[in-house]
PDB file of N, CA and C in Angstrom:
ATOM      1  N   UNK A   1     179.006 178.761 235.182  1.00  0.00           N
ATOM      2  CA  UNK A   1     178.491 179.164 236.484  1.00  0.00           C
ATOM      3  C   UNK A   1     177.008 178.850 236.598  1.00  0.00           C
ATOM      4  N   UNK A   2     176.287 178.929 235.505  1.00  0.00           N
ATOM      5  CA  UNK A   2     174.849 178.706 235.567  1.00  0.00           C
ATOM      6  C   UNK A   2     174.496 177.236 235.736  1.00  0.00           C
ATOM      7  N   UNK A   3     175.313 176.344 235.203  1.00  0.00           N
ATOM      8  CA  UNK A   3     175.026 174.909 235.297  1.00  0.00           C
ATOM      9  C   UNK A   3     174.974 174.431 236.747  1.00  0.00           C
ATOM     10  N   UNK A   4     175.960 174.771 237.605  1.00  0.00           N
ATOM     11  CA  UNK A   4     175.861 174.327 239.005  1.00  0.00           C
ATOM     12  C   UNK A   4     174.652 174.917 239.717  1.00  0.00           C
ATOM     13  N   UNK A   5     174.316 176.159 239.408  1.00  0.00           N
ATOM     14  CA  UNK A   5     173.162 176.776 240.034  1.00  0.00           C
ATOM     15  C   UNK A   5     171.885 176.049 239.627  1.00  0.00           C
ATOM     16  N   UNK A   6     171.775 175.703 238.346  1.00  0.00           N
ATOM     17  CA  UNK A   6     170.605 174.974 237.868  1.00  0.00           C
ATOM     18  C   UNK A   6     170.534 173.600 238.498  1.00  0.00           C
ATOM     19  N   UNK A   7     171.677 172.955 238.662  1.00  0.00           N
ATOM     20  CA  UNK A   7     171.738 171.641 239.284  1.00  0.00           C
ATOM     21  C   UNK A   7     171.282 171.716 240.737  1.00  0.00           C
ATOM     22  N   UNK A   8     171.763 172.714 241.464  1.00  0.00           N
ATOM     23  CA  UNK A   8     171.359 172.891 242.861  1.00  0.00           C
ATOM     24  C   UNK A   8     169.869 173.169 242.960  1.00  0.00           C
ATOM     25  N   UNK A   9     169.362 173.971 242.058  1.00  0.00           N
ATOM     26  CA  UNK A   9     167.938 174.295 242.060  1.00  0.00           C
ATOM     27  C   UNK A   9     167.117 173.039 241.781  1.00  0.00           C
ATOM     28  N   UNK A  10     167.544 172.246 240.822  1.00  0.00           N
ATOM     29  CA  UNK A  10     166.821 171.018 240.490  1.00  0.00           C
ATOM     30  C   UNK A  10     166.844 170.045 241.661  1.00  0.00           C
ATOM     31  N   UNK A  11     167.989 169.937 242.333  1.00  0.00           N
ATOM     32  CA  UNK A  11     168.093 169.058 243.499  1.00  0.00           C
ATOM     33  C   UNK A  11     167.143 169.506 244.607  1.00  0.00           C
ATOM     34  N   UNK A  12     167.113 170.799 244.861  1.00  0.00           N
ATOM     35  CA  UNK A  12     166.230 171.333 245.893  1.00  0.00           C
ATOM     36  C   UNK A  12     164.766 171.081 245.534  1.00  0.00           C
ATOM     37  N   UNK A  13     164.417 171.309 244.282  1.00  0.00           N
ATOM     38  CA  UNK A  13     163.038 171.083 243.853  1.00  0.00           C
ATOM     39  C   UNK A  13     162.674 169.608 243.936  1.00  0.00           C
ATOM     40  N   UNK A  14     163.604 168.726 243.613  1.00  0.00           N
ATOM     41  CA  UNK A  14     163.350 167.291 243.735  1.00  0.00           C
ATOM     42  C   UNK A  14     163.088 166.898 245.182  1.00  0.00           C
ATOM     43  N   UNK A  15     163.886 167.442 246.102  1.00  0.00           N
ATOM     44  CA  UNK A  15     163.669 167.148 247.527  1.00  0.00           C
ATOM     45  C   UNK A  15     162.310 167.672 247.987  1.00  0.00           C
ATOM     46  N   UNK A  16     161.974 168.867 247.549  1.00  0.00           N
ATOM     47  CA  UNK A  16     160.688 169.458 247.913  1.00  0.00           C
ATOM     48  C   UNK A  16     159.527 168.643 247.334  1.00  0.00           C
ATOM     49  N   UNK A  17     159.680 168.192 246.100  1.00  0.00           N
ATOM     50  CA  UNK A  17     158.651 167.373 245.453  1.00  0.00           C
ATOM     51  C   UNK A  17     158.454 166.061 246.214  1.00  0.00           C
ATOM     52  N   UNK A  18     159.551 165.415 246.587  1.00  0.00           N
ATOM     53  CA  UNK A  18     159.449 164.163 247.347  1.00  0.00           C
ATOM     54  C   UNK A  18     158.778 164.383 248.698  1.00  0.00           C
ATOM     55  N   UNK A  19     159.081 165.505 249.346  1.00  0.00           N
ATOM     56  CA  UNK A  19     158.443 165.831 250.617  1.00  0.00           C
ATOM     57  C   UNK A  19     156.936 166.006 250.425  1.00  0.00           C
ATOM     58  N   UNK A  20     156.544 166.683 249.345  1.00  0.00           N
ATOM     59  CA  UNK A  20     155.118 166.891 249.085  1.00  0.00           C
ATOM     60  C   UNK A  20     154.414 165.564 248.833  1.00  0.00           C
ATOM     61  N   UNK A  21     155.075 164.653 248.127  1.00  0.00           N
ATOM     62  CA  UNK A  21     154.470 163.341 247.874  1.00  0.00           C
ATOM     63  C   UNK A  21     154.255 162.579 249.173  1.00  0.00           C
ATOM     64  N   UNK A  22     155.206 162.677 250.105  1.00  0.00           N
ATOM     65  CA  UNK A  22     155.044 162.024 251.407  1.00  0.00           C
ATOM     66  C   UNK A  22     153.897 162.651 252.184  1.00  0.00           C
ATOM     67  N   UNK A  23     153.817 163.987 252.153  1.00  0.00           N
ATOM     68  CA  UNK A  23     152.725 164.676 252.834  1.00  0.00           C
ATOM     69  C   UNK A  23     151.387 164.288 252.226  1.00  0.00           C
ATOM     70  N   UNK A  24     151.361 164.169 250.912  1.00  0.00           N
ATOM     71  CA  UNK A  24     150.139 163.793 250.216  1.00  0.00           C
ATOM     72  C   UNK A  24     149.702 162.383 250.622  1.00  0.00           C
ATOM     73  N   UNK A  25     150.651 161.474 250.717  1.00  0.00           N
ATOM     74  CA  UNK A  25     150.327 160.107 251.132  1.00  0.00           C
ATOM     75  C   UNK A  25     149.750 160.094 252.545  1.00  0.00           C
ATOM     76  N   UNK A  26     150.319 160.895 253.441  1.00  0.00           N
ATOM     77  CA  UNK A  26     149.815 160.965 254.815  1.00  0.00           C
ATOM     78  C   UNK A  26     148.408 161.559 254.855  1.00  0.00           C
ATOM     79  N   UNK A  27     148.184 162.627 254.108  1.00  0.00           N
ATOM     80  CA  UNK A  27     146.866 163.262 254.083  1.00  0.00           C
ATOM     81  C   UNK A  27     145.835 162.318 253.476  1.00  0.00           C
ATOM     82  N   UNK A  28     146.249 161.581 252.462  1.00  0.00           N
ATOM     83  CA  UNK A  28     145.350 160.625 251.827  1.00  0.00           C
ATOM     84  C   UNK A  28     144.985 159.514 252.809  1.00  0.00           C
ATOM     85  N   UNK A  29     145.960 159.056 253.568  1.00  0.00           N
ATOM     86  CA  UNK A  29     145.741 158.012 254.558  1.00  0.00           C
ATOM     87  C   UNK A  29     144.778 158.486 255.648  1.00  0.00           C
ATOM     88  N   UNK A  30     144.835 159.761 255.982  1.00  0.00           N
ATOM     89  CA  UNK A  30     143.975 160.334 257.007  1.00  0.00           C
ATOM     90  C   UNK A  30     142.601 160.695 256.467  1.00  0.00           C
ATOM     91  N   UNK A  31     142.432 160.608 255.154  1.00  0.00           N
ATOM     92  CA  UNK A  31     141.148 160.913 254.548  1.00  0.00           C
ATOM     93  C   UNK A  31     140.829 162.396 254.469  1.00  0.00           C
ATOM     94  N   UNK A  32     141.841 163.214 254.476  1.00  0.00           N
ATOM     95  CA  UNK A  32     141.656 164.666 254.427  1.00  0.00           C
ATOM     96  C   UNK A  32     141.705 165.121 252.968  1.00  0.00           C
ATOM     97  N   UNK A  33     140.551 165.116 252.314  1.00  0.00           N
ATOM     98  CA  UNK A  33     140.518 165.372 250.872  1.00  0.00           C
ATOM     99  C   UNK A  33     140.894 166.812 250.505  1.00  0.00           C
ATOM    100  N   UNK A  34     140.505 167.774 251.316  1.00  0.00           N
ATOM    101  CA  UNK A  34     140.857 169.162 251.005  1.00  0.00           C
ATOM    102  C   UNK A  34     142.373 169.354 251.086  1.00  0.00           C
ATOM    103  N   UNK A  35     142.974 168.793 252.108  1.00  0.00           N
ATOM    104  CA  UNK A  35     144.429 168.886 252.244  1.00  0.00           C
ATOM    105  C   UNK A  35     145.107 168.173 251.070  1.00  0.00           C
ATOM    106  N   UNK A  36     144.544 167.044 250.638  1.00  0.00           N
ATOM    107  CA  UNK A  36     145.082 166.318 249.482  1.00  0.00           C
ATOM    108  C   UNK A  36     145.056 167.195 248.232  1.00  0.00           C
ATOM    109  N   UNK A  37     143.954 167.900 248.040  1.00  0.00           N
ATOM    110  CA  UNK A  37     143.831 168.759 246.858  1.00  0.00           C
ATOM    111  C   UNK A  37     144.890 169.851 246.865  1.00  0.00           C
ATOM    112  N   UNK A  38     145.115 170.434 248.024  1.00  0.00           N
ATOM    113  CA  UNK A  38     146.124 171.494 248.142  1.00  0.00           C
ATOM    114  C   UNK A  38     147.516 170.921 247.883  1.00  0.00           C
ATOM    115  N   UNK A  39     147.810 169.775 248.485  1.00  0.00           N
ATOM    116  CA  UNK A  39     149.127 169.160 248.294  1.00  0.00           C
ATOM    117  C   UNK A  39     149.336 168.724 246.849  1.00  0.00           C
ATOM    118  N   UNK A  40     148.293 168.237 246.206  1.00  0.00           N
ATOM    119  CA  UNK A  40     148.400 167.857 244.794  1.00  0.00           C
ATOM    120  C   UNK A  40     148.716 169.071 243.935  1.00  0.00           C
ATOM    121  N   UNK A  41     148.064 170.185 244.210  1.00  0.00           N
ATOM    122  CA  UNK A  41     148.323 171.409 243.454  1.00  0.00           C
ATOM    123  C   UNK A  41     149.759 171.876 243.669  1.00  0.00           C
ATOM    124  N   UNK A  42     150.226 171.804 244.911  1.00  0.00           N
ATOM    125  CA  UNK A  42     151.605 172.195 245.194  1.00  0.00           C
ATOM    126  C   UNK A  42     152.586 171.263 244.481  1.00  0.00           C
ATOM    127  N   UNK A  43     152.305 169.967 244.510  1.00  0.00           N
ATOM    128  CA  UNK A  43     153.186 169.000 243.847  1.00  0.00           C
ATOM    129  C   UNK A  43     153.232 169.251 242.341  1.00  0.00           C
ATOM    130  N   UNK A  44     152.088 169.556 241.738  1.00  0.00           N
ATOM    131  CA  UNK A  44     152.066 169.850 240.300  1.00  0.00           C
ATOM    132  C   UNK A  44     152.898 171.086 239.984  1.00  0.00           C
ATOM    133  N   UNK A  45     152.785 172.108 240.829  1.00  0.00           N
ATOM    134  CA  UNK A  45     153.553 173.337 240.610  1.00  0.00           C
ATOM    135  C   UNK A  45     155.053 173.067 240.742  1.00  0.00           C
ATOM    136  N   UNK A  46     155.431 172.276 241.724  1.00  0.00           N
ATOM    137  CA  UNK A  46     156.845 171.938 241.914  1.00  0.00           C
ATOM    138  C   UNK A  46     157.352 171.123 240.733  1.00  0.00           C
ATOM    139  N   UNK A  47     156.538 170.162 240.267  1.00  0.00           N
ATOM    140  CA  UNK A  47     156.934 169.342 239.137  1.00  0.00           C
ATOM    141  C   UNK A  47     157.144 170.209 237.884  1.00  0.00           C
ATOM    142  N   UNK A  48     156.270 171.166 237.710  1.00  0.00           N
ATOM    143  CA  UNK A  48     156.402 172.088 236.575  1.00  0.00           C
ATOM    144  C   UNK A  48     157.703 172.884 236.694  1.00  0.00           C
ATOM    145  N   UNK A  49     158.034 173.309 237.894  1.00  0.00           N
ATOM    146  CA  UNK A  49     159.289 174.045 238.113  1.00  0.00           C
ATOM    147  C   UNK A  49     160.495 173.156 237.839  1.00  0.00           C
ATOM    148  N   UNK A  50     160.389 171.879 238.189  1.00  0.00           N
ATOM    149  CA  UNK A  50     161.493 170.936 237.915  1.00  0.00           C
ATOM    150  C   UNK A  50     161.709 170.824 236.410  1.00  0.00           C
ATOM    151  N   UNK A  51     160.628 170.691 235.676  1.00  0.00           N
ATOM    152  CA  UNK A  51     160.749 170.590 234.214  1.00  0.00           C
ATOM    153  C   UNK A  51     161.364 171.852 233.629  1.00  0.00           C
ATOM    154  N   UNK A  52     161.015 172.998 234.165  1.00  0.00           N
ATOM    155  CA  UNK A  52     161.554 174.272 233.679  1.00  0.00           C
ATOM    156  C   UNK A  52     163.032 174.428 234.020  1.00  0.00           C
ATOM    157  N   UNK A  53     163.440 173.837 235.129  1.00  0.00           N
ATOM    158  CA  UNK A  53     164.827 173.983 235.588  1.00  0.00           C
ATOM    159  C   UNK A  53     165.786 173.133 234.759  1.00  0.00           C
ATOM    160  N   UNK A  54     165.271 172.174 234.026  1.00  0.00           N
ATOM    161  CA  UNK A  54     166.154 171.277 233.253  1.00  0.00           C
ATOM    162  C   UNK A  54     166.624 171.898 231.981  1.00  0.00           C
TER     163      UNK A  54
END
């Protein structure tokens, strides 16, 4: 029972991570460095959660 739950969690985190990377690219393109810093921190936290979920 735990394996499917972990798989679903990892899939959700992967989608969220990809969304953050797209947001980061847009913020970087707009030259919004503060927003980039926040998005980078969020992406790092999500990536850490992905590693923990495996």
